[in-house]
């Protein structure tokens, strides 16, 4: 499955548009991660813990979108857009959504 943020795949012709596909993931941040991130905020530097959670959430949402595209008979998804949002009480959860157009190339 080819996945692209561009509206086309260079050198490939889109033969059929299957429709819009999405993937969503919501992950919670636990107390230990919040504490460690707080230390990073205080002392400076990157939060490897949150970066890992963010990467995993993105990969999960993309996998879900890809599976939905395959179920529609697509072999590529073009025009992919990723969105990140803090939700829940005090922004304690992270929502990652992605959407694109399932196509046959």
N, C-alpha and C. Protein backbone atom coordinates (compact mmCIF):
# COMPACT_ATOMS: atom_id res chain seq x y z
N UNK A 1 0.86 -1.18 0.00
CA UNK A 1 0.00 0.00 0.00
C UNK A 1 0.90 1.23 0.00
N UNK A 2 0.68 2.10 -0.96
CA UNK A 2 1.39 3.36 -1.01
C UNK A 2 0.60 4.41 -0.24
N UNK A 3 1.29 5.16 0.60
CA UNK A 3 0.67 6.22 1.39
C UNK A 3 1.39 7.52 1.08
N UNK A 4 0.63 8.57 0.75
CA UNK A 4 1.27 9.82 0.36
C UNK A 4 0.45 11.03 0.83
N UNK A 5 1.17 12.08 1.21
CA UNK A 5 0.49 13.32 1.55
C UNK A 5 0.18 14.14 0.29
N UNK A 6 0.76 13.76 -0.82
CA UNK A 6 0.52 14.47 -2.08
C UNK A 6 -0.77 13.95 -2.73
N UNK A 7 -1.39 14.75 -3.61
CA UNK A 7 -2.66 14.32 -4.21
C UNK A 7 -2.51 13.27 -5.31
N UNK A 8 -1.28 13.02 -5.74
CA UNK A 8 -1.02 12.01 -6.76
C UNK A 8 0.27 11.27 -6.42
N UNK A 9 0.50 10.17 -7.11
CA UNK A 9 1.76 9.43 -6.99
C UNK A 9 2.52 9.66 -8.30
N UNK A 10 3.67 10.28 -8.21
CA UNK A 10 4.43 10.62 -9.41
C UNK A 10 4.68 9.38 -10.27
N UNK A 11 4.39 9.51 -11.55
CA UNK A 11 4.61 8.42 -12.49
C UNK A 11 3.53 7.36 -12.50
N UNK A 12 2.51 7.53 -11.67
CA UNK A 12 1.41 6.55 -11.59
C UNK A 12 0.11 7.27 -11.86
N UNK A 13 -0.77 6.62 -12.58
CA UNK A 13 -2.08 7.20 -12.89
C UNK A 13 -3.12 6.63 -11.94
N UNK A 14 -3.97 7.48 -11.40
CA UNK A 14 -5.06 7.00 -10.54
C UNK A 14 -6.15 6.46 -11.45
N UNK A 15 -6.46 5.19 -11.27
CA UNK A 15 -7.45 4.51 -12.10
C UNK A 15 -8.85 4.60 -11.53
N UNK A 16 -8.92 4.63 -10.19
CA UNK A 16 -10.23 4.63 -9.53
C UNK A 16 -10.13 5.28 -8.16
N UNK A 17 -11.11 6.11 -7.85
CA UNK A 17 -11.22 6.71 -6.53
C UNK A 17 -12.22 5.89 -5.72
N UNK A 18 -11.78 5.37 -4.59
CA UNK A 18 -12.64 4.54 -3.75
C UNK A 18 -13.39 5.34 -2.69
N UNK A 19 -12.82 6.46 -2.25
CA UNK A 19 -13.48 7.28 -1.24
C UNK A 19 -12.54 7.71 -0.13
N UNK A 20 -13.09 8.50 0.76
CA UNK A 20 -12.33 9.02 1.90
C UNK A 20 -12.16 7.92 2.95
N UNK A 21 -10.96 7.83 3.49
CA UNK A 21 -10.69 6.89 4.58
C UNK A 21 -10.07 7.67 5.75
N UNK A 22 -10.32 7.19 6.95
CA UNK A 22 -9.81 7.85 8.15
C UNK A 22 -9.22 6.83 9.11
N UNK A 23 -8.43 7.32 10.01
CA UNK A 23 -7.91 6.53 11.12
C UNK A 23 -7.85 7.42 12.33
N UNK A 24 -8.19 6.89 13.48
CA UNK A 24 -8.21 7.68 14.71
C UNK A 24 -7.58 6.89 15.84
N UNK A 25 -6.87 7.59 16.69
CA UNK A 25 -6.29 6.99 17.89
C UNK A 25 -6.36 8.00 19.02
N UNK A 26 -6.74 7.54 20.19
CA UNK A 26 -6.71 8.39 21.39
C UNK A 26 -5.88 7.65 22.43
N UNK A 27 -4.87 8.32 22.94
CA UNK A 27 -4.01 7.72 23.96
C UNK A 27 -4.00 8.61 25.19
N UNK A 28 -3.93 7.99 26.33
CA UNK A 28 -3.86 8.72 27.58
C UNK A 28 -2.42 8.80 28.06
N UNK A 29 -2.09 9.88 28.71
CA UNK A 29 -0.77 10.04 29.30
C UNK A 29 -0.88 9.72 30.79
N UNK A 30 -0.03 8.84 31.26
CA UNK A 30 -0.13 8.46 32.68
C UNK A 30 0.68 9.39 33.56
N UNK A 31 0.55 9.22 34.85
CA UNK A 31 1.16 10.12 35.83
C UNK A 31 2.68 10.13 35.72
N UNK A 32 3.30 8.98 35.53
CA UNK A 32 4.76 8.91 35.43
C UNK A 32 5.25 9.70 34.21
N UNK A 33 4.58 9.51 33.08
CA UNK A 33 4.98 10.26 31.88
C UNK A 33 4.81 11.76 32.10
N UNK A 34 3.71 12.16 32.75
CA UNK A 34 3.49 13.57 33.04
C UNK A 34 4.59 14.11 33.95
N UNK A 35 4.97 13.35 34.95
CA UNK A 35 6.01 13.78 35.88
C UNK A 35 7.35 13.95 35.15
N UNK A 36 7.72 12.97 34.33
CA UNK A 36 8.98 13.04 33.60
C UNK A 36 8.97 14.20 32.60
N UNK A 37 7.84 14.41 31.94
CA UNK A 37 7.74 15.53 30.99
C UNK A 37 7.85 16.85 31.74
N UNK A 38 7.29 16.91 32.95
CA UNK A 38 7.38 18.12 33.77
C UNK A 38 8.83 18.44 34.12
N UNK A 39 9.61 17.41 34.42
CA UNK A 39 11.03 17.62 34.69
C UNK A 39 11.74 18.17 33.44
N UNK A 40 11.40 17.63 32.29
CA UNK A 40 11.99 18.11 31.04
C UNK A 40 11.63 19.57 30.80
N UNK A 41 10.36 19.92 31.08
CA UNK A 41 9.94 21.31 30.92
C UNK A 41 10.75 22.22 31.83
N UNK A 42 10.98 21.77 33.05
CA UNK A 42 11.69 22.59 34.04
C UNK A 42 13.17 22.75 33.67
N UNK A 43 13.81 21.62 33.32
CA UNK A 43 15.25 21.64 33.04
C UNK A 43 15.57 21.87 31.57
N UNK A 44 14.60 21.75 30.72
CA UNK A 44 14.82 21.91 29.28
C UNK A 44 15.10 20.58 28.61
N UNK A 45 15.01 20.59 27.31
CA UNK A 45 15.29 19.37 26.55
C UNK A 45 14.02 18.76 25.99
N UNK A 46 14.21 17.72 25.24
CA UNK A 46 13.10 17.04 24.59
C UNK A 46 12.55 15.96 25.50
N UNK A 47 11.26 15.68 25.35
CA UNK A 47 10.63 14.63 26.12
C UNK A 47 10.53 13.38 25.26
N UNK A 48 11.51 12.50 25.39
CA UNK A 48 11.53 11.26 24.63
C UNK A 48 10.31 10.40 24.90
N UNK A 49 9.79 10.45 26.11
CA UNK A 49 8.61 9.66 26.48
C UNK A 49 7.41 10.09 25.67
N UNK A 50 7.15 11.39 25.64
CA UNK A 50 6.01 11.89 24.88
C UNK A 50 6.22 11.72 23.38
N UNK A 51 7.45 11.89 22.92
CA UNK A 51 7.72 11.70 21.50
C UNK A 51 7.41 10.28 21.07
N UNK A 52 7.76 9.32 21.92
CA UNK A 52 7.48 7.90 21.61
C UNK A 52 5.96 7.67 21.56
N UNK A 53 5.24 8.20 22.52
CA UNK A 53 3.78 8.05 22.54
C UNK A 53 3.16 8.68 21.30
N UNK A 54 3.65 9.83 20.92
CA UNK A 54 3.15 10.53 19.74
C UNK A 54 3.40 9.72 18.48
N UNK A 55 4.60 9.17 18.33
CA UNK A 55 4.92 8.33 17.17
C UNK A 55 4.03 7.10 17.11
N UNK A 56 3.84 6.44 18.25
CA UNK A 56 3.01 5.23 18.29
C UNK A 56 1.56 5.55 17.95
N UNK A 57 1.05 6.67 18.43
CA UNK A 57 -0.32 7.07 18.12
C UNK A 57 -0.48 7.36 16.64
N UNK A 58 0.48 8.04 16.04
CA UNK A 58 0.44 8.34 14.60
C UNK A 58 0.46 7.04 13.79
N UNK A 59 1.35 6.13 14.15
CA UNK A 59 1.46 4.86 13.43
C UNK A 59 0.17 4.05 13.55
N UNK A 60 -0.46 4.08 14.71
CA UNK A 60 -1.71 3.36 14.92
C UNK A 60 -2.83 3.94 14.05
N UNK A 61 -2.94 5.26 14.01
CA UNK A 61 -3.97 5.90 13.19
C UNK A 61 -3.73 5.61 11.71
N UNK A 62 -2.48 5.66 11.27
CA UNK A 62 -2.16 5.38 9.87
C UNK A 62 -2.47 3.92 9.51
N UNK A 63 -2.15 3.00 10.41
CA UNK A 63 -2.46 1.57 10.18
C UNK A 63 -3.95 1.36 10.01
N UNK A 64 -4.73 2.01 10.89
CA UNK A 64 -6.19 1.89 10.83
C UNK A 64 -6.71 2.42 9.49
N UNK A 65 -6.20 3.56 9.06
CA UNK A 65 -6.62 4.13 7.79
C UNK A 65 -6.25 3.21 6.63
N UNK A 66 -5.04 2.66 6.67
CA UNK A 66 -4.58 1.74 5.62
C UNK A 66 -5.46 0.49 5.55
N UNK A 67 -5.82 -0.06 6.70
CA UNK A 67 -6.69 -1.25 6.73
C UNK A 67 -8.06 -0.94 6.12
N UNK A 68 -8.60 0.23 6.42
CA UNK A 68 -9.89 0.62 5.85
C UNK A 68 -9.79 0.79 4.33
N UNK A 69 -8.67 1.33 3.87
CA UNK A 69 -8.47 1.49 2.43
C UNK A 69 -8.40 0.12 1.74
N UNK A 70 -7.69 -0.83 2.36
CA UNK A 70 -7.59 -2.18 1.79
C UNK A 70 -8.96 -2.84 1.71
N UNK A 71 -9.79 -2.65 2.74
CA UNK A 71 -11.14 -3.22 2.74
C UNK A 71 -11.98 -2.66 1.60
N UNK A 72 -11.67 -1.46 1.15
CA UNK A 72 -12.40 -0.83 0.04
C UNK A 72 -11.84 -1.27 -1.31
N UNK A 73 -10.74 -2.02 -1.30
CA UNK A 73 -10.13 -2.47 -2.54
C UNK A 73 -9.08 -1.52 -3.11
N UNK A 74 -8.61 -0.59 -2.30
CA UNK A 74 -7.60 0.37 -2.75
C UNK A 74 -6.20 -0.21 -2.57
N UNK A 75 -5.26 0.33 -3.35
CA UNK A 75 -3.86 -0.05 -3.16
C UNK A 75 -2.97 1.16 -2.87
N UNK A 76 -3.62 2.32 -2.64
CA UNK A 76 -2.89 3.52 -2.26
C UNK A 76 -3.86 4.49 -1.57
N UNK A 77 -3.27 5.38 -0.76
CA UNK A 77 -4.04 6.47 -0.16
C UNK A 77 -3.26 7.75 -0.45
N UNK A 78 -3.95 8.72 -1.06
CA UNK A 78 -3.31 9.99 -1.41
C UNK A 78 -3.94 11.14 -0.63
N UNK A 79 -3.24 12.26 -0.60
CA UNK A 79 -3.76 13.44 0.07
C UNK A 79 -3.91 13.27 1.57
N UNK A 80 -3.02 12.51 2.19
CA UNK A 80 -3.14 12.23 3.63
C UNK A 80 -2.88 13.49 4.44
N UNK A 81 -3.74 13.71 5.43
CA UNK A 81 -3.62 14.82 6.36
C UNK A 81 -3.60 14.26 7.77
N UNK A 82 -2.66 14.69 8.59
CA UNK A 82 -2.56 14.26 9.98
C UNK A 82 -2.91 15.42 10.89
N UNK A 83 -3.69 15.14 11.93
CA UNK A 83 -4.05 16.16 12.92
C UNK A 83 -3.80 15.62 14.31
N UNK A 84 -3.34 16.50 15.20
CA UNK A 84 -3.05 16.15 16.58
C UNK A 84 -3.84 17.10 17.48
N UNK A 85 -4.43 16.56 18.55
CA UNK A 85 -5.24 17.38 19.44
C UNK A 85 -5.14 16.84 20.86
N UNK A 86 -4.94 17.73 21.82
CA UNK A 86 -5.01 17.35 23.24
C UNK A 86 -6.46 17.45 23.66
N UNK A 87 -6.99 16.39 24.24
CA UNK A 87 -8.40 16.36 24.65
C UNK A 87 -8.51 15.83 26.07
N UNK A 88 -9.71 15.81 26.58
CA UNK A 88 -9.95 15.29 27.93
C UNK A 88 -9.72 16.34 28.98
N UNK A 89 -9.99 15.93 30.21
CA UNK A 89 -9.82 16.83 31.34
C UNK A 89 -8.36 17.26 31.44
N UNK A 90 -8.11 18.54 31.43
CA UNK A 90 -6.75 19.12 31.50
C UNK A 90 -5.86 18.68 30.34
N UNK A 91 -6.46 18.31 29.21
CA UNK A 91 -5.67 17.90 28.05
C UNK A 91 -4.86 16.66 28.31
N UNK A 92 -5.40 15.74 29.10
CA UNK A 92 -4.65 14.57 29.54
C UNK A 92 -4.59 13.45 28.50
N UNK A 93 -5.27 13.62 27.39
CA UNK A 93 -5.25 12.59 26.36
C UNK A 93 -4.87 13.23 25.02
N UNK A 94 -4.28 12.42 24.16
CA UNK A 94 -3.86 12.88 22.85
C UNK A 94 -4.66 12.15 21.79
N UNK A 95 -5.25 12.92 20.88
CA UNK A 95 -5.99 12.33 19.77
C UNK A 95 -5.21 12.60 18.49
N UNK A 96 -4.98 11.54 17.73
CA UNK A 96 -4.33 11.65 16.44
C UNK A 96 -5.31 11.13 15.40
N UNK A 97 -5.59 11.95 14.40
CA UNK A 97 -6.48 11.53 13.32
C UNK A 97 -5.75 11.72 12.00
N UNK A 98 -6.08 10.86 11.05
CA UNK A 98 -5.55 11.02 9.71
C UNK A 98 -6.67 10.71 8.72
N UNK A 99 -6.59 11.35 7.58
CA UNK A 99 -7.59 11.11 6.53
C UNK A 99 -6.90 11.24 5.19
N UNK A 100 -7.48 10.58 4.21
CA UNK A 100 -6.94 10.63 2.86
C UNK A 100 -7.96 10.04 1.90
N UNK A 101 -7.59 9.95 0.64
CA UNK A 101 -8.45 9.39 -0.38
C UNK A 101 -7.90 8.04 -0.80
N UNK A 102 -8.71 6.99 -0.64
CA UNK A 102 -8.33 5.65 -1.06
C UNK A 102 -8.48 5.56 -2.57
N UNK A 103 -7.44 5.08 -3.25
CA UNK A 103 -7.44 5.00 -4.71
C UNK A 103 -6.84 3.68 -5.18
N UNK A 104 -7.10 3.39 -6.46
CA UNK A 104 -6.43 2.29 -7.14
C UNK A 104 -5.51 2.93 -8.18
N UNK A 105 -4.23 2.56 -8.13
CA UNK A 105 -3.27 3.09 -9.11
C UNK A 105 -2.73 1.98 -9.98
